[in-house]
Protein backbone atom coordinates (compact mmCIF):
# COMPACT_ATOMS: atom_id res chain seq x y z
CA MET A 1 -4.18 -3.95 -10.09
CA LEU A 2 -1.58 -1.30 -10.85
CA ILE A 3 -0.72 1.53 -8.50
CA GLY A 4 1.25 4.78 -9.00
CA VAL A 5 4.13 5.35 -6.74
CA MET A 6 6.70 8.05 -6.20
CA TYR A 7 10.21 6.90 -5.20
CA ARG A 8 12.49 8.80 -2.77
CA ASP A 9 14.60 10.17 -5.75
CA GLY A 10 11.50 11.89 -7.13
CA THR A 11 10.83 9.35 -9.98
CA TYR A 12 7.36 7.97 -10.61
CA ASP A 13 6.44 4.35 -11.55
CA ILE A 14 3.48 2.19 -11.79
CA VAL A 15 3.72 -1.13 -9.88
CA LYS A 16 1.59 -4.11 -9.09
CA ASP A 17 -0.42 -3.99 -5.91
CA ILE A 18 1.24 -6.99 -4.52
CA ALA A 19 4.61 -5.04 -4.58
CA LEU A 20 3.30 -2.08 -2.63
CA ASP A 21 3.66 -3.63 0.82
CA ASN A 22 7.26 -4.38 0.16
CA LEU A 23 7.96 -0.81 -1.18
CA VAL A 24 6.35 0.74 1.86
CA ASN A 25 8.05 -1.45 4.37
CA SER A 26 11.53 -1.01 2.76
CA GLU A 27 10.92 2.71 2.71
CA LYS A 28 11.77 2.93 -0.98
CA ILE A 29 8.64 5.20 -1.75
CA LEU A 30 7.48 8.46 -0.49
CA LYS A 31 3.89 8.21 -1.61
CA PHE A 32 1.43 6.17 -3.69
CA TYR A 33 -1.83 6.92 -5.43
CA ARG A 34 -5.00 5.40 -3.80
CA SER A 35 -8.75 6.26 -4.06
CA GLY A 36 -8.22 9.39 -6.15
CA HIS A 37 -5.43 10.97 -4.17
CA TRP A 38 -1.74 10.68 -3.21
CA VAL A 39 -1.14 8.86 0.15
CA ILE A 40 2.07 10.30 1.79
CA ILE A 41 3.87 7.53 3.82
CA GLY A 42 3.87 8.58 7.52
CA ARG A 43 1.11 11.07 7.30
CA GLU A 44 -1.91 8.80 6.47
CA PRO A 45 -2.52 5.23 7.72
CA VAL A 46 -1.48 2.44 5.31
CA ARG A 47 -1.89 -1.25 5.45
CA GLY A 48 0.44 -2.74 7.99
CA MET A 49 0.77 0.39 10.03
CA GLY A 50 -1.94 0.20 12.69
CA GLY A 51 -5.65 -0.54 12.26
CA SER A 52 -7.49 -3.76 12.60
CA GLY A 53 -6.45 -5.16 9.18
CA ILE A 54 -3.75 -7.71 8.76
CA GLY A 55 -2.23 -8.04 5.27
CA TYR A 56 -4.46 -9.23 2.49
CA ARG A 57 -7.02 -10.77 4.86
CA ARG A 58 -8.54 -7.62 6.29
CA ARG A 59 -12.04 -7.88 5.07
CA LYS A 60 -14.70 -9.99 6.76
CA TYR A 61 -15.43 -12.21 3.80
CA ASP A 62 -11.71 -12.94 3.33
CA THR A 63 -11.84 -15.20 6.38
CA TYR A 64 -14.48 -17.29 4.69
CA MET A 65 -12.73 -17.54 1.33
CA CYS A 66 -9.25 -18.11 2.46
CA PRO A 67 -7.99 -20.94 4.81
């Protein structure tokens, strides 16, 4: 899946979803587009910043499908 992101310098890009975690953790982006709206890093919860989910295995069925 492709996700729209805005970098710290104000430029926009579209990246693969697997790259999003790295961009968020490295603080290279200010926001990304999710579920019809922009998510601003630090204002809204994102994967890996709290919550009960852990990485890509955050759904109940993931534990059955992944070792």
